[in-house]
Amino acid sequence: MATQALKCERHGEATRLTCVECGTPICPKCAVRTDVGLKCENDARGAELSKETLALLRPSRTPMYLGAAGVVVLLAIIGLVFLRGGDSTETSTQPLPAVGTWSPVPDLVSIRGTTATVLLKDGRALAAGGGVGQQGLAAAELFDPKAGVWQSTAPMNQARRGHTAVVLGDGRVLVAGGINEGELLNSAEIYDPATSKWTTVAPMSVPRLGNTLTLLANGNVLATGGTAADTAPGSGGGQTIRPDATAEIYNVAANKWTTTSGGMSTPRFEHSATLLDDGRVLIAGGQGPPIAGNTAALKSTEIYDPAVDSFRKSNDMTDARFNHNALKLPDKTVMVVGGAGGTNGDTSLATAEVFDPSTGGWTPAGALTGSRTGAAAAVFPDGRVLVAAGESVTRGSRRSLDTAEIFNIEKKEWQSAGKMNCPRSEASAVLLGDGTVLVVAGDFAAPGQQPDPKGCADRYHP
């Protein structure tokens, strides 16, 4: 199913870009980058004009008479601004060429939808599970970067979708939680690449979906939040989100889950958890308990300290967000990008900000050229950040994206990273050993249509 493309009003070319101010379809030839996103030339020129003529055009408490000379000066300024705007192909506001290229990868054999993908220590990528709606899959597949192909491996013991996965210190992979046939799961299992087998391990204390799994410095795994099981009568047709504040630790050697001495200060669903260099874990954002019946995006953060086995509150982010991306950068800071916010989470965000563990403070990290939530993301060794796919959400209307952007740490700006071959949201991404990024599966969403699970894959070459 292809995304219905709009048509640029000026050049007549198919496009998925629109002006952030008036909504007019625009293409890369005429899109103008501004502080608040991409605009059409008219709105971009209008903004520039308003800055240069503001002193003359702003109403005053006392009458202002320009006189003949003043009118001539004002007209000259207006003419200069419009001449300088000119054709976007001849100005400095012409969008820069996309950084890097995308190449198609063969579709997965059996997996569709929101799979969990991790990079194994031998350089291959493991994708496990997925599904359609609340119907999970048990299938698992391996991607060989050198051969560029997928190969089936043993299926999981439990079909699941929306689960989380983490690579353990010994190279095995722990998978936990998710949903299948409308039932939230607390089950967990481990994949051993050496034997290509899955082994069921001790279950979590509670079912979890939309939670996090984080490998701690001591080799154990921290699970936080998610949504609690829906026990409301007649809820089988859909999952009611009930953000959870509990957390537990999986002791790999003992094959045992133990609840932390204290839960999170705030229940969270679709939040992020990032291991800091000092061994603590930054918990950021998420969807909290509803307020007056509306979804509540969180700007609050907290830090788990394994030394004392407890959480403490940290400084708020600038923007409340959930279903965002969080990435640890080479300088030990953490960047959060995009996500959903607004009333009932009906608006995707274009903002990014960086957390400094040494100060506990947050600073802006530029604005994406387009908003997105549920994106796939990866960080390169040189500190650049790739954000790909996801959904653009406006007043609850959702549309999956095929675009990508890359953040240059030194210039502190986002730039186009081109387009993938397959638009989708809730995809997963891994940085491969050769420096390319593999983006796997996901769901295609369009206004008025049911989500369409995808099994496509794309590879980004920076």
Protein backbone atom coordinates (compact mmCIF):
# COMPACT_ATOMS: atom_id res chain seq x y z
CA MET A 1 0.00 0.00 0.00
CA ALA A 2 1.67 3.28 -1.08
CA THR A 3 1.32 6.61 0.68
CA GLN A 4 -0.89 8.99 -1.32
CA ALA A 5 1.43 11.79 -2.47
CA LEU A 6 0.40 15.41 -2.65
CA LYS A 7 1.34 17.62 -5.60
CA CYS A 8 3.53 20.70 -5.22
CA GLU A 9 1.45 23.72 -6.25
CA ARG A 10 4.44 25.44 -7.81
CA HIS A 11 6.37 22.67 -9.54
CA GLY A 12 3.65 20.04 -9.96
CA GLU A 13 5.86 17.31 -8.50
CA ALA A 14 4.64 14.57 -6.18
CA THR A 15 5.56 15.37 -2.58
CA ARG A 16 4.78 14.52 1.05
CA LEU A 17 5.91 17.89 2.39
CA THR A 18 3.55 20.66 3.43
CA CYS A 19 4.11 24.21 4.70
CA VAL A 20 3.99 24.28 8.50
CA GLU A 21 2.10 27.60 8.38
CA CYS A 22 -0.54 27.31 5.63
CA GLY A 23 -0.48 23.57 4.81
CA THR A 24 0.25 24.13 1.09
CA PRO A 25 1.95 21.13 -0.59
CA ILE A 26 5.63 21.96 -1.30
CA CYS A 27 8.54 20.02 -2.75
CA PRO A 28 12.30 20.15 -1.96
CA LYS A 29 12.79 22.66 -4.81
CA CYS A 30 10.68 25.33 -3.16
CA ALA A 31 10.68 24.34 0.52
CA VAL A 32 12.35 26.96 2.71
CA ARG A 33 13.90 25.94 6.04
CA THR A 34 12.87 28.23 8.92
CA ASP A 35 13.23 28.17 12.71
CA VAL A 36 9.85 26.46 13.03
CA GLY A 37 10.11 23.99 10.13
CA LEU A 38 9.67 23.97 6.35
CA LYS A 39 7.55 26.73 4.77
CA CYS A 40 6.37 27.67 1.31
CA GLU A 41 8.15 30.64 -0.26
CA ASN A 42 5.28 33.06 0.32
CA ASP A 43 5.10 32.39 4.06
CA ALA A 44 8.91 32.35 4.38
CA ARG A 45 9.15 35.73 2.57
CA GLY A 46 6.33 37.05 4.71
CA ALA A 47 8.22 36.16 7.87
CA GLU A 48 11.35 37.85 6.56
CA LEU A 49 9.38 40.91 5.50
CA SER A 50 7.74 41.22 8.89
CA LYS A 51 11.10 41.28 10.63
CA GLU A 52 12.56 44.01 8.41
CA THR A 53 9.52 46.27 8.35
CA LEU A 54 8.22 45.63 11.85
CA ALA A 55 9.25 49.03 13.17
CA LEU A 56 7.39 50.77 10.34
CA LEU A 57 4.32 48.55 10.31
CA ARG A 58 3.73 48.08 14.07
CA PRO A 59 0.80 50.16 15.36
CA SER A 60 1.85 53.04 17.61
CA ARG A 61 0.05 54.76 20.47
CA THR A 62 0.72 58.08 18.71
CA PRO A 63 -0.12 58.78 15.04
CA MET A 64 2.81 58.15 12.69
CA TYR A 65 2.96 59.97 9.37
CA LEU A 66 5.49 58.59 6.91
CA GLY A 67 5.19 61.35 4.41
CA ALA A 68 6.30 60.96 0.80
CA ALA A 69 9.91 60.13 1.69
CA GLY A 70 8.83 57.55 4.22
CA VAL A 71 6.56 55.81 1.72
CA VAL A 72 9.42 55.62 -0.78
CA VAL A 73 11.70 54.06 1.84
CA LEU A 74 9.05 51.55 2.88
CA LEU A 75 8.36 50.51 -0.71
CA ALA A 76 12.09 50.18 -1.33
CA ILE A 77 12.45 47.85 1.67
CA ILE A 78 9.51 45.72 0.54
CA GLY A 79 10.88 45.52 -2.99
CA LEU A 80 14.33 44.56 -1.75
CA VAL A 81 12.95 41.77 0.42
CA PHE A 82 10.91 40.27 -2.41
CA LEU A 83 13.79 40.56 -4.87
CA ARG A 84 16.04 38.83 -2.38
CA GLY A 85 13.45 36.08 -1.94
CA GLY A 86 13.33 35.50 -5.68
CA ASP A 87 13.35 31.96 -6.98
CA SER A 88 14.29 29.50 -4.23
CA THR A 89 16.69 27.78 -6.61
CA GLU A 90 18.84 30.95 -6.61
CA THR A 91 18.87 31.77 -2.88
CA SER A 92 20.73 30.55 0.16
CA THR A 93 17.49 29.12 1.57
CA GLN A 94 17.51 26.29 -0.97
CA PRO A 95 17.51 23.03 1.06
CA LEU A 96 20.88 21.34 1.24
CA PRO A 97 21.36 18.02 -0.57
CA ALA A 98 20.39 14.96 1.45
CA VAL A 99 23.15 13.39 3.50
CA GLY A 100 23.79 9.73 2.68
CA THR A 101 21.74 7.28 0.65
CA TRP A 102 19.22 4.49 1.20
CA SER A 103 19.28 1.06 -0.41
CA PRO A 104 16.50 -1.54 -0.29
CA VAL A 105 16.99 -4.74 1.65
CA PRO A 106 15.00 -7.92 0.91
CA ASP A 107 11.75 -8.09 2.87
CA LEU A 108 11.64 -10.27 5.95
CA VAL A 109 10.34 -13.74 5.24
CA SER A 110 7.76 -14.10 8.02
CA ILE A 111 7.88 -11.01 10.23
CA ARG A 112 5.50 -8.06 9.95
CA GLY A 113 4.74 -5.04 12.13
CA THR A 114 6.48 -3.95 15.32
CA THR A 115 9.29 -6.44 15.66
CA ALA A 116 12.21 -6.17 18.11
CA THR A 117 15.63 -5.97 16.42
CA VAL A 118 19.05 -6.16 18.09
CA LEU A 119 22.64 -6.43 16.89
CA LEU A 120 24.35 -9.69 17.84
CA LYS A 121 28.01 -9.79 18.78
CA ASP A 122 28.87 -11.69 15.59
CA GLY A 123 27.62 -8.74 13.50
CA ARG A 124 24.28 -10.21 12.44
CA ALA A 125 20.95 -8.60 13.34
CA LEU A 126 18.18 -10.58 15.04
CA ALA A 127 14.54 -9.61 14.43
CA ALA A 128 12.02 -11.42 16.61
CA GLY A 129 8.25 -11.31 16.76
CA GLY A 130 5.82 -8.75 15.37
CA GLY A 131 2.28 -9.24 14.15
CA VAL A 132 -0.97 -7.70 13.06
CA GLY A 133 -2.93 -5.62 15.57
CA GLN A 134 -2.90 -7.58 18.83
CA GLN A 135 -2.11 -10.85 17.05
CA GLY A 136 1.53 -11.70 17.69
CA LEU A 137 4.07 -13.72 15.73
CA ALA A 138 6.67 -16.14 17.07
CA ALA A 139 8.92 -15.97 13.99
CA ALA A 140 12.54 -14.85 14.23
CA GLU A 141 14.99 -14.02 11.45
CA LEU A 142 18.68 -13.16 11.12
CA PHE A 143 20.15 -10.53 8.77
CA ASP A 144 23.66 -11.08 7.41
CA PRO A 145 25.12 -7.64 6.54
CA LYS A 146 27.76 -9.11 4.23
CA ALA A 147 25.34 -11.22 2.20
CA GLY A 148 22.52 -8.68 2.55
CA VAL A 149 19.86 -11.36 3.10
CA TRP A 150 17.50 -12.59 5.82
CA GLN A 151 17.57 -16.16 7.07
CA SER A 152 14.98 -17.83 9.30
CA THR A 153 16.02 -19.08 12.71
CA ALA A 154 14.12 -20.91 15.45
CA PRO A 155 10.85 -19.19 16.44
CA MET A 156 10.23 -17.91 19.94
CA ASN A 157 8.31 -20.11 22.34
CA GLN A 158 5.67 -17.36 22.72
CA ALA A 159 4.17 -15.34 19.89
CA ARG A 160 4.36 -11.66 20.80
CA ARG A 161 4.12 -8.12 19.45
CA GLY A 162 5.19 -4.83 21.05
CA HIS A 163 7.76 -6.59 23.23
CA THR A 164 11.26 -5.43 24.20
CA ALA A 165 14.65 -7.07 23.73
CA VAL A 166 18.17 -6.54 25.05
CA VAL A 167 21.53 -8.19 24.33
CA LEU A 168 23.04 -9.67 27.49
CA GLY A 169 26.71 -9.47 28.40
CA ASP A 170 27.36 -13.01 27.18
CA GLY A 171 25.84 -12.29 23.76
CA ARG A 172 22.50 -13.97 24.31
CA VAL A 173 19.26 -12.00 23.83
CA LEU A 174 16.54 -11.51 26.45
CA VAL A 175 13.00 -10.87 25.15
CA ALA A 176 10.16 -10.01 27.54
CA GLY A 177 6.56 -8.83 27.61
CA GLY A 178 4.41 -7.69 24.71
CA ILE A 179 0.90 -8.66 23.69
CA ASN A 180 -0.72 -11.57 21.86
CA GLU A 181 -4.41 -12.07 21.01
CA GLY A 182 -5.31 -9.16 23.27
CA GLU A 183 -3.51 -10.56 26.31
CA LEU A 184 -0.62 -8.72 27.91
CA LEU A 185 2.38 -10.95 28.56
CA ASN A 186 4.77 -11.28 31.48
CA SER A 187 6.68 -14.17 29.91
CA ALA A 188 10.36 -13.94 29.01
CA GLU A 189 12.78 -16.03 26.96
CA ILE A 190 16.41 -16.01 25.89
CA TYR A 191 17.88 -16.61 22.41
CA ASP A 192 21.32 -18.21 22.17
CA PRO A 193 23.04 -17.41 18.82
CA ALA A 194 25.46 -20.29 19.35
CA THR A 195 22.67 -22.89 19.30
CA SER A 196 19.94 -20.90 17.49
CA LYS A 197 17.52 -21.90 20.26
CA TRP A 198 15.09 -20.08 22.53
CA THR A 199 14.79 -20.98 26.22
CA THR A 200 11.86 -19.87 28.37
CA VAL A 201 13.08 -18.18 31.56
CA ALA A 202 11.42 -16.86 34.70
CA PRO A 203 8.50 -14.52 33.97
CA MET A 204 8.30 -10.91 35.10
CA SER A 205 6.19 -10.19 38.17
CA VAL A 206 3.59 -8.34 36.05
CA PRO A 207 2.66 -8.25 32.35
CA ARG A 208 4.21 -5.31 30.49
CA LEU A 209 3.66 -3.55 27.17
CA GLY A 210 5.23 -0.22 26.25
CA ASN A 211 7.89 -0.78 28.93
CA THR A 212 11.68 -0.61 28.79
CA LEU A 213 14.49 -3.14 29.22
CA THR A 214 17.95 -1.83 30.09
CA LEU A 215 21.16 -3.81 30.53
CA LEU A 216 22.85 -2.60 33.71
CA ALA A 217 26.59 -2.35 34.25
CA ASN A 218 26.57 -5.46 36.47
CA GLY A 219 24.98 -7.59 33.72
CA ASN A 220 21.47 -7.67 35.16
CA VAL A 221 18.45 -6.15 33.36
CA LEU A 222 16.10 -3.40 34.55
CA ALA A 223 12.45 -3.45 33.40
CA THR A 224 10.37 -0.33 34.02
CA GLY A 225 6.76 0.74 33.58
CA GLY A 226 4.53 -0.06 30.65
CA THR A 227 0.80 -0.64 30.86
CA ALA A 228 -0.84 -2.81 33.46
CA ALA A 229 -3.23 -5.58 32.46
CA ASP A 230 -6.72 -4.37 31.53
CA THR A 231 -9.22 -6.13 33.75
CA ALA A 232 -12.21 -4.06 32.68
CA PRO A 233 -15.16 -6.15 31.47
CA GLY A 234 -15.50 -6.29 27.71
CA SER A 235 -12.00 -4.90 27.10
CA GLY A 236 -10.97 -7.72 24.79
CA GLY A 237 -11.63 -5.62 21.70
CA GLY A 238 -8.90 -3.13 22.55
CA GLN A 239 -6.22 -2.43 25.11
CA THR A 240 -6.87 0.38 27.58
CA ILE A 241 -3.63 2.11 28.53
CA ARG A 242 -3.04 2.00 32.29
CA PRO A 243 0.47 3.41 32.91
CA ASP A 244 2.42 1.44 35.52
CA ALA A 245 5.06 2.66 38.00
CA THR A 246 6.59 -0.70 38.97
CA ALA A 247 10.11 -1.79 38.14
CA GLU A 248 12.02 -5.06 38.54
CA ILE A 249 15.49 -6.50 38.02
CA TYR A 250 16.30 -9.72 36.16
CA ASN A 251 19.27 -11.53 37.68
CA VAL A 252 20.67 -13.44 34.70
CA ALA A 253 22.81 -15.86 36.73
CA ALA A 254 19.98 -16.73 39.15
CA ASN A 255 17.21 -16.62 36.51
CA LYS A 256 15.08 -14.54 38.84
CA TRP A 257 13.12 -11.25 38.71
CA THR A 258 13.12 -9.08 41.84
CA THR A 259 11.00 -5.97 42.33
CA THR A 260 13.06 -2.85 43.03
CA SER A 261 12.92 -1.49 46.57
CA GLY A 262 10.87 1.42 45.30
CA GLY A 263 8.94 1.98 42.11
CA MET A 264 9.14 5.00 39.83
CA SER A 265 7.71 8.23 41.17
CA THR A 266 5.32 8.41 38.20
CA PRO A 267 3.55 5.64 36.23
CA ARG A 268 4.88 5.66 32.65
CA PHE A 269 4.00 4.08 29.30
CA GLU A 270 6.12 4.44 26.12
CA HIS A 271 8.84 6.29 28.02
CA SER A 272 12.59 5.87 27.54
CA ALA A 273 15.34 4.41 29.72
CA THR A 274 19.01 5.13 28.95
CA LEU A 275 22.06 3.73 30.73
CA LEU A 276 24.42 6.52 31.78
CA ASP A 277 28.20 6.09 31.91
CA ASP A 278 28.18 6.07 35.72
CA GLY A 279 25.82 3.06 35.81
CA ARG A 280 22.63 4.94 36.61
CA VAL A 281 19.59 4.90 34.28
CA LEU A 282 17.77 8.01 33.01
CA ILE A 283 13.99 7.54 32.75
CA ALA A 284 12.37 10.25 30.60
CA GLY A 285 8.85 11.22 29.62
CA GLY A 286 6.19 8.72 28.69
CA GLN A 287 2.43 8.70 28.91
CA GLY A 288 1.16 9.12 32.45
CA PRO A 289 -2.25 8.53 34.02
CA PRO A 290 -5.01 10.43 32.18
CA ILE A 291 -5.99 13.90 33.37
CA ALA A 292 -9.68 14.79 33.05
CA GLY A 293 -10.05 11.87 30.66
CA ASN A 294 -7.24 13.07 28.36
CA THR A 295 -3.93 11.39 27.64
CA ALA A 296 -1.16 13.04 29.66
CA ALA A 297 2.28 13.30 28.09
CA LEU A 298 5.01 13.69 30.72
CA LYS A 299 7.95 16.07 30.83
CA SER A 300 9.17 14.66 34.13
CA THR A 301 12.29 12.51 34.43
CA GLU A 302 13.84 10.35 37.13
CA ILE A 303 17.04 8.39 37.63
CA TYR A 304 17.44 4.81 38.83
CA ASP A 305 20.55 4.25 40.94
CA PRO A 306 21.44 0.54 41.21
CA ALA A 307 23.77 1.29 44.14
CA VAL A 308 20.76 2.08 46.33
CA ASP A 309 18.14 0.24 44.24
CA SER A 310 15.82 3.23 44.03
CA PHE A 311 14.54 6.05 41.82
CA ARG A 312 14.83 9.78 42.46
CA LYS A 313 13.30 12.66 40.56
CA SER A 314 15.44 14.66 38.15
CA ASN A 315 14.89 17.86 36.17
CA ASP A 316 11.98 18.14 33.74
CA MET A 317 12.44 18.17 29.99
CA THR A 318 11.35 21.29 28.13
CA ASP A 319 8.61 19.39 26.28
CA ALA A 320 6.28 16.68 27.51
CA ARG A 321 6.58 13.66 25.21
CA PHE A 322 6.05 9.92 24.84
CA ASN A 323 6.88 7.36 22.13
CA HIS A 324 10.07 9.35 21.49
CA ASN A 325 13.66 8.26 20.87
CA ALA A 326 16.46 8.51 23.43
CA LEU A 327 20.10 8.00 22.48
CA LYS A 328 23.32 8.20 24.47
CA LEU A 329 25.88 10.32 22.63
CA PRO A 330 29.67 9.80 22.62
CA ASP A 331 30.12 12.78 24.98
CA LYS A 332 28.06 10.91 27.63
CA THR A 333 24.98 13.13 27.22
CA VAL A 334 21.56 11.81 26.21
CA MET A 335 19.45 13.18 23.36
CA VAL A 336 15.67 12.77 23.21
CA VAL A 337 13.98 13.37 19.85
CA GLY A 338 10.38 13.81 18.68
CA GLY A 339 7.53 11.85 20.19
CA ALA A 340 3.90 12.67 20.78
CA GLY A 341 2.40 15.43 22.92
CA GLY A 342 -0.51 17.83 22.95
CA THR A 343 -4.03 17.03 24.06
CA ASN A 344 -4.57 13.25 24.03
CA GLY A 345 -1.18 12.82 22.34
CA ASP A 346 -2.72 14.06 19.10
CA THR A 347 0.31 16.03 17.92
CA SER A 348 3.76 14.81 16.90
CA LEU A 349 6.78 16.86 18.00
CA ALA A 350 9.71 18.26 16.04
CA THR A 351 11.81 19.21 19.05
CA ALA A 352 14.95 17.60 20.43
CA GLU A 353 16.85 18.23 23.65
CA VAL A 354 19.96 16.95 25.40
CA PHE A 355 20.45 15.86 29.03
CA ASP A 356 23.81 16.47 30.68
CA PRO A 357 24.35 13.98 33.54
CA SER A 358 27.03 16.19 35.10
CA THR A 359 24.60 19.07 35.66
CA GLY A 360 21.20 17.39 35.41
CA GLY A 361 20.14 20.08 32.95
CA TRP A 362 18.39 19.95 29.57
CA THR A 363 19.32 22.09 26.55
CA PRO A 364 17.60 22.41 23.13
CA ALA A 365 19.11 20.45 20.24
CA GLY A 366 17.51 22.14 17.26
CA ALA A 367 14.22 21.42 15.55
CA LEU A 368 13.57 18.64 13.07
CA THR A 369 12.42 19.83 9.64
CA GLY A 370 9.26 17.78 10.27
CA SER A 371 7.61 16.38 13.38
CA ARG A 372 7.55 12.63 14.04
CA THR A 373 6.63 10.09 16.68
CA GLY A 374 7.32 6.35 16.79
CA ALA A 375 10.48 6.80 14.73
CA ALA A 376 13.51 4.54 14.42
CA ALA A 377 16.83 6.05 15.49
CA ALA A 378 20.54 5.31 15.74
CA VAL A 379 23.66 7.19 16.81
CA PHE A 380 26.98 6.98 14.92
CA PRO A 381 30.39 6.80 16.63
CA ASP A 382 31.12 10.40 15.56
CA GLY A 383 28.02 11.63 17.41
CA ARG A 384 25.68 12.14 14.48
CA VAL A 385 22.09 11.02 15.11
CA LEU A 386 19.84 9.44 12.49
CA VAL A 387 16.06 9.59 12.92
CA ALA A 388 14.00 7.73 10.32
CA ALA A 389 10.35 6.99 9.53
CA GLY A 390 7.71 7.34 12.24
CA GLU A 391 4.41 9.17 12.00
CA SER A 392 3.37 12.74 11.47
CA VAL A 393 0.32 13.35 13.67
CA THR A 394 -1.89 16.44 13.35
CA ARG A 395 -5.03 16.69 15.46
CA GLY A 396 -5.06 12.89 15.72
CA SER A 397 -4.73 12.28 11.97
CA ARG A 398 -1.76 9.94 11.46
CA ARG A 399 0.41 9.40 8.40
CA SER A 400 3.54 7.24 8.23
CA LEU A 401 6.75 8.78 6.90
CA ASP A 402 9.47 7.58 4.55
CA THR A 403 11.78 10.51 5.33
CA ALA A 404 14.87 10.62 7.53
CA GLU A 405 16.96 13.33 9.15
CA ILE A 406 20.46 13.46 10.57
CA PHE A 407 21.77 15.71 13.34
CA ASN A 408 25.23 17.22 13.06
CA ILE A 409 26.55 17.64 16.60
CA GLU A 410 29.17 20.25 15.67
CA LYS A 411 26.79 22.44 13.65
CA LYS A 412 23.86 21.67 15.96
CA GLU A 413 21.42 21.36 13.09
CA TRP A 414 19.20 18.77 11.46
CA GLN A 415 19.51 17.98 7.76
CA SER A 416 17.63 15.71 5.39
CA ALA A 417 18.95 12.15 5.20
CA GLY A 418 16.81 11.30 2.18
CA LYS A 419 13.92 8.89 1.84
CA MET A 420 13.52 5.21 2.53
CA ASN A 421 11.83 2.89 0.08
CA CYS A 422 9.05 2.01 2.52
CA PRO A 423 7.13 4.46 4.75
CA ARG A 424 6.19 3.14 8.19
CA SER A 425 6.14 3.85 11.91
CA GLU A 426 7.14 1.85 15.00
CA ALA A 427 10.04 0.34 13.03
CA SER A 428 13.25 -0.76 14.75
CA ALA A 429 16.80 0.23 13.82
CA VAL A 430 20.31 -1.08 14.51
CA LEU A 431 23.74 0.30 13.65
CA LEU A 432 25.61 -2.43 11.80
CA GLY A 433 29.34 -3.09 12.07
CA ASP A 434 30.11 -1.50 8.71
CA GLY A 435 28.62 1.83 9.81
CA THR A 436 25.31 1.48 7.97
CA VAL A 437 21.91 1.50 9.71
CA LEU A 438 19.29 -1.20 9.20
CA VAL A 439 15.64 -0.12 9.62
CA VAL A 440 13.28 -3.06 10.02
CA ALA A 441 9.51 -3.61 9.56
CA GLY A 442 6.85 -1.43 11.23
CA ASP A 443 3.27 -0.38 10.44
CA PHE A 444 2.02 1.87 7.64
CA ALA A 445 -0.62 4.36 8.78
CA ALA A 446 -2.73 6.76 6.72
CA PRO A 447 -5.79 8.87 7.59
CA GLY A 448 -8.99 6.82 7.54
CA GLN A 449 -7.17 3.50 7.06
CA GLN A 450 -6.35 0.61 9.37
CA PRO A 451 -2.61 0.21 10.12
CA ASP A 452 -0.95 -2.06 7.57
CA PRO A 453 1.91 -4.19 9.02
CA LYS A 454 5.04 -4.08 6.87
CA GLY A 455 7.88 -6.55 6.48
CA CYS A 456 10.15 -4.25 4.48
CA ALA A 457 13.66 -3.22 5.43
CA ASP A 458 15.95 -0.37 4.37
CA ARG A 459 19.66 0.28 4.84
CA TYR A 460 21.14 3.75 5.31
CA HIS A 461 24.64 4.53 4.06
CA PRO A 462 25.96 7.75 5.70
